[in-house]
Amino acid sequence: MRATRIAGWVMHVPVAGLMIMAGTFKLLGMIPPEEMAKMQESGMAEKITTIAIGEIIAALLLLLPRTLPLGALVTSGFWGGVICTHWTKNEPIAVWCVFLTLTWIGAFLRSPGMFASMWGKPSATSSAS
């Protein structure tokens, strides 16, 4: 069990680290000009601070053991948005799909009980009824 949790951490730390780094770069205005031009074209430049804060919060929720279920969900939404944004511009999405996959596999490895309802295992609340 310890090895699977470590494997989950090995998947989550790079994902969250990338998100924290990218969010910090956005907050500090350290975005390459060509990327900023793309964001202006799509109307996202005005929302850059909100995107950056959301990105950092999602990463922190993913890293904290207590907030892992919420973090996996919020981070999935973030990667889904990234995938849709790139897809609509006919840009490659494989890397973002890999990060989304690492988010969910890492969550499963770190906290398999989070997925118990998918396999029909009774939860603590259902046994009381």
C-alpha atoms as a PDB file:
ATOM      1  CA  MET A   1       0.000   0.000   0.000  1.00  0.00           C
ATOM      2  CA  ARG A   2       2.858   2.380   0.786  1.00  0.00           C
ATOM      3  CA  ALA A   3       4.403   1.862  -2.664  1.00  0.00           C
ATOM      4  CA  THR A   4       1.140   2.748  -4.423  1.00  0.00           C
ATOM      5  CA  ARG A   5       0.794   5.936  -2.394  1.00  0.00           C
ATOM      6  CA  ILE A   6       4.349   6.893  -3.251  1.00  0.00           C
ATOM      7  CA  ALA A   7       3.602   6.224  -6.930  1.00  0.00           C
ATOM      8  CA  GLY A   8       0.569   8.514  -6.634  1.00  0.00           C
ATOM      9  CA  TRP A   9       2.740  11.243  -5.160  1.00  0.00           C
ATOM     10  CA  VAL A  10       5.278  10.736  -7.956  1.00  0.00           C
ATOM     11  CA  MET A  11       2.458  11.506 -10.409  1.00  0.00           C
ATOM     12  CA  HIS A  12       0.923  14.410  -8.509  1.00  0.00           C
ATOM     13  CA  VAL A  13       4.020  16.389  -7.546  1.00  0.00           C
ATOM     14  CA  PRO A  14       5.072  17.156 -11.155  1.00  0.00           C
ATOM     15  CA  VAL A  15       1.481  17.927 -12.196  1.00  0.00           C
ATOM     16  CA  ALA A  16       0.906  20.278  -9.260  1.00  0.00           C
ATOM     17  CA  GLY A  17       4.406  21.713  -9.561  1.00  0.00           C
ATOM     18  CA  LEU A  18       3.800  22.638 -13.187  1.00  0.00           C
ATOM     19  CA  MET A  19       0.473  24.237 -12.278  1.00  0.00           C
ATOM     20  CA  ILE A  20       1.984  26.249  -9.412  1.00  0.00           C
ATOM     21  CA  MET A  21       4.886  27.376 -11.601  1.00  0.00           C
ATOM     22  CA  ALA A  22       2.620  28.352 -14.515  1.00  0.00           C
ATOM     23  CA  GLY A  23       0.179  30.131 -12.203  1.00  0.00           C
ATOM     24  CA  THR A  24       3.014  32.035 -10.541  1.00  0.00           C
ATOM     25  CA  PHE A  25       4.438  33.063 -13.910  1.00  0.00           C
ATOM     26  CA  LYS A  26       0.992  34.346 -14.906  1.00  0.00           C
ATOM     27  CA  LEU A  27       0.664  36.344 -11.669  1.00  0.00           C
ATOM     28  CA  LEU A  28       4.132  37.851 -12.098  1.00  0.00           C
ATOM     29  CA  GLY A  29       3.534  38.725 -15.767  1.00  0.00           C
ATOM     30  CA  MET A  30       6.265  36.366 -16.953  1.00  0.00           C
ATOM     31  CA  ILE A  31       4.281  34.955 -19.881  1.00  0.00           C
ATOM     32  CA  PRO A  32       6.103  34.809 -23.235  1.00  0.00           C
ATOM     33  CA  PRO A  33       4.783  37.502 -25.618  1.00  0.00           C
ATOM     34  CA  GLU A  34       3.590  34.950 -28.203  1.00  0.00           C
ATOM     35  CA  GLU A  35       1.544  33.144 -25.532  1.00  0.00           C
ATOM     36  CA  MET A  36       0.102  36.424 -24.273  1.00  0.00           C
ATOM     37  CA  ALA A  37      -0.896  37.297 -27.855  1.00  0.00           C
ATOM     38  CA  LYS A  38      -2.771  33.971 -28.094  1.00  0.00           C
ATOM     39  CA  MET A  39      -4.532  34.725 -24.821  1.00  0.00           C
ATOM     40  CA  GLN A  40      -5.533  38.174 -26.059  1.00  0.00           C
ATOM     41  CA  GLU A  41      -6.947  36.666 -29.266  1.00  0.00           C
ATOM     42  CA  SER A  42      -9.154  34.321 -27.275  1.00  0.00           C
ATOM     43  CA  GLY A  43     -10.199  37.008 -24.780  1.00  0.00           C
ATOM     44  CA  MET A  44      -8.501  35.297 -21.851  1.00  0.00           C
ATOM     45  CA  ALA A  45      -5.872  37.980 -21.204  1.00  0.00           C
ATOM     46  CA  GLU A  46      -8.272  40.046 -19.074  1.00  0.00           C
ATOM     47  CA  LYS A  47      -8.878  37.014 -16.858  1.00  0.00           C
ATOM     48  CA  ILE A  48      -5.222  36.035 -16.430  1.00  0.00           C
ATOM     49  CA  THR A  49      -5.126  36.784 -12.690  1.00  0.00           C
ATOM     50  CA  THR A  50      -8.270  34.743 -12.035  1.00  0.00           C
ATOM     51  CA  ILE A  51      -6.918  31.865 -14.120  1.00  0.00           C
ATOM     52  CA  ALA A  52      -3.573  31.982 -12.290  1.00  0.00           C
ATOM     53  CA  ILE A  53      -5.160  31.988  -8.832  1.00  0.00           C
ATOM     54  CA  GLY A  54      -7.495  29.142  -9.800  1.00  0.00           C
ATOM     55  CA  GLU A  55      -4.577  27.166 -11.191  1.00  0.00           C
ATOM     56  CA  ILE A  56      -2.551  27.547  -7.985  1.00  0.00           C
ATOM     57  CA  ILE A  57      -5.526  26.729  -5.736  1.00  0.00           C
ATOM     58  CA  ALA A  58      -6.327  23.597  -7.767  1.00  0.00           C
ATOM     59  CA  ALA A  59      -2.714  22.423  -7.459  1.00  0.00           C
ATOM     60  CA  LEU A  60      -2.652  22.993  -3.701  1.00  0.00           C
ATOM     61  CA  LEU A  61      -5.956  21.145  -3.255  1.00  0.00           C
ATOM     62  CA  LEU A  62      -4.468  18.235  -5.207  1.00  0.00           C
ATOM     63  CA  LEU A  63      -1.370  18.098  -3.004  1.00  0.00           C
ATOM     64  CA  LEU A  64      -3.032  18.323   0.403  1.00  0.00           C
ATOM     65  CA  PRO A  65      -4.158  14.843   1.538  1.00  0.00           C
ATOM     66  CA  ARG A  66      -7.319  16.174   3.210  1.00  0.00           C
ATOM     67  CA  THR A  67      -8.477  17.936   0.075  1.00  0.00           C
ATOM     68  CA  LEU A  68      -7.371  15.308  -2.462  1.00  0.00           C
ATOM     69  CA  PRO A  69     -10.904  14.364  -3.651  1.00  0.00           C
ATOM     70  CA  LEU A  70     -11.832  18.006  -4.232  1.00  0.00           C
ATOM     71  CA  GLY A  71      -8.385  18.693  -5.681  1.00  0.00           C
ATOM     72  CA  ALA A  72      -8.698  15.864  -8.207  1.00  0.00           C
ATOM     73  CA  LEU A  73     -12.086  17.186  -9.297  1.00  0.00           C
ATOM     74  CA  VAL A  74     -11.027  20.840  -9.554  1.00  0.00           C
ATOM     75  CA  THR A  75      -7.751  19.950 -11.270  1.00  0.00           C
ATOM     76  CA  SER A  76      -9.689  17.814 -13.763  1.00  0.00           C
ATOM     77  CA  GLY A  77     -11.871  20.792 -14.554  1.00  0.00           C
ATOM     78  CA  PHE A  78      -8.769  22.899 -15.065  1.00  0.00           C
ATOM     79  CA  TRP A  79      -7.186  20.362 -17.449  1.00  0.00           C
ATOM     80  CA  GLY A  80     -10.527  19.995 -19.232  1.00  0.00           C
ATOM     81  CA  GLY A  81     -10.537  23.736 -19.844  1.00  0.00           C
ATOM     82  CA  VAL A  82      -6.963  23.632 -21.111  1.00  0.00           C
ATOM     83  CA  ILE A  83      -7.805  20.750 -23.441  1.00  0.00           C
ATOM     84  CA  CYS A  84     -10.901  22.503 -24.827  1.00  0.00           C
ATOM     85  CA  THR A  85      -9.034  25.776 -25.306  1.00  0.00           C
ATOM     86  CA  HIS A  86      -6.225  24.125 -27.261  1.00  0.00           C
ATOM     87  CA  TRP A  87      -8.576  21.846 -29.190  1.00  0.00           C
ATOM     88  CA  THR A  88     -10.677  24.759 -30.464  1.00  0.00           C
ATOM     89  CA  LYS A  89      -7.486  26.349 -31.820  1.00  0.00           C
ATOM     90  CA  ASN A  90      -6.441  23.089 -33.530  1.00  0.00           C
ATOM     91  CA  GLU A  91      -3.390  22.885 -31.256  1.00  0.00           C
ATOM     92  CA  PRO A  92      -2.001  19.603 -29.898  1.00  0.00           C
ATOM     93  CA  ILE A  93      -3.722  18.328 -26.752  1.00  0.00           C
ATOM     94  CA  ALA A  94      -1.827  15.098 -26.007  1.00  0.00           C
ATOM     95  CA  VAL A  95       0.347  16.623 -23.262  1.00  0.00           C
ATOM     96  CA  TRP A  96      -2.689  18.047 -21.454  1.00  0.00           C
ATOM     97  CA  CYS A  97      -4.485  14.704 -21.744  1.00  0.00           C
ATOM     98  CA  VAL A  98      -1.470  13.043 -20.124  1.00  0.00           C
ATOM     99  CA  PHE A  99      -1.623  15.516 -17.222  1.00  0.00           C
ATOM    100  CA  LEU A 100      -5.341  14.817 -16.805  1.00  0.00           C
ATOM    101  CA  THR A 101      -4.644  11.075 -16.801  1.00  0.00           C
ATOM    102  CA  LEU A 102      -1.837  11.488 -14.244  1.00  0.00           C
ATOM    103  CA  THR A 103      -4.222  13.482 -12.059  1.00  0.00           C
ATOM    104  CA  TRP A 104      -6.739  10.624 -11.888  1.00  0.00           C
ATOM    105  CA  ILE A 105      -4.295   7.718 -11.723  1.00  0.00           C
ATOM    106  CA  GLY A 106      -2.370   9.529  -8.993  1.00  0.00           C
ATOM    107  CA  ALA A 107      -5.604  10.144  -7.063  1.00  0.00           C
ATOM    108  CA  PHE A 108      -6.501   6.465  -7.313  1.00  0.00           C
ATOM    109  CA  LEU A 109      -3.073   5.374  -6.112  1.00  0.00           C
ATOM    110  CA  ARG A 110      -3.002   7.843  -3.222  1.00  0.00           C
ATOM    111  CA  SER A 111      -6.583   7.267  -2.098  1.00  0.00           C
ATOM    112  CA  PRO A 112      -8.292   4.203  -3.622  1.00  0.00           C
ATOM    113  CA  GLY A 113     -11.228   4.573  -1.223  1.00  0.00           C
ATOM    114  CA  MET A 114     -12.144   7.756  -3.045  1.00  0.00           C
ATOM    115  CA  PHE A 115     -13.409   5.563  -5.885  1.00  0.00           C
ATOM    116  CA  ALA A 116     -15.249   2.958  -3.759  1.00  0.00           C
ATOM    117  CA  SER A 117     -18.684   4.017  -5.003  1.00  0.00           C
ATOM    118  CA  MET A 118     -17.659   3.145  -8.562  1.00  0.00           C
ATOM    119  CA  TRP A 119     -17.266  -0.514  -7.623  1.00  0.00           C
ATOM    120  CA  GLY A 120     -20.498  -0.752  -5.655  1.00  0.00           C
ATOM    121  CA  LYS A 121     -18.836  -1.109  -2.273  1.00  0.00           C
ATOM    122  CA  PRO A 122     -21.104   0.095   0.510  1.00  0.00           C
ATOM    123  CA  SER A 123     -20.128   3.322   2.157  1.00  0.00           C
ATOM    124  CA  ALA A 124     -20.310   4.023   5.889  1.00  0.00           C
ATOM    125  CA  THR A 125     -23.552   5.976   5.459  1.00  0.00           C
ATOM    126  CA  SER A 126     -25.340   3.314   3.414  1.00  0.00           C
ATOM    127  CA  SER A 127     -24.714   0.583   6.010  1.00  0.00           C
ATOM    128  CA  ALA A 128     -26.529   2.620   8.659  1.00  0.00           C
ATOM    129  CA  SER A 129     -29.824   2.631   6.737  1.00  0.00           C
END
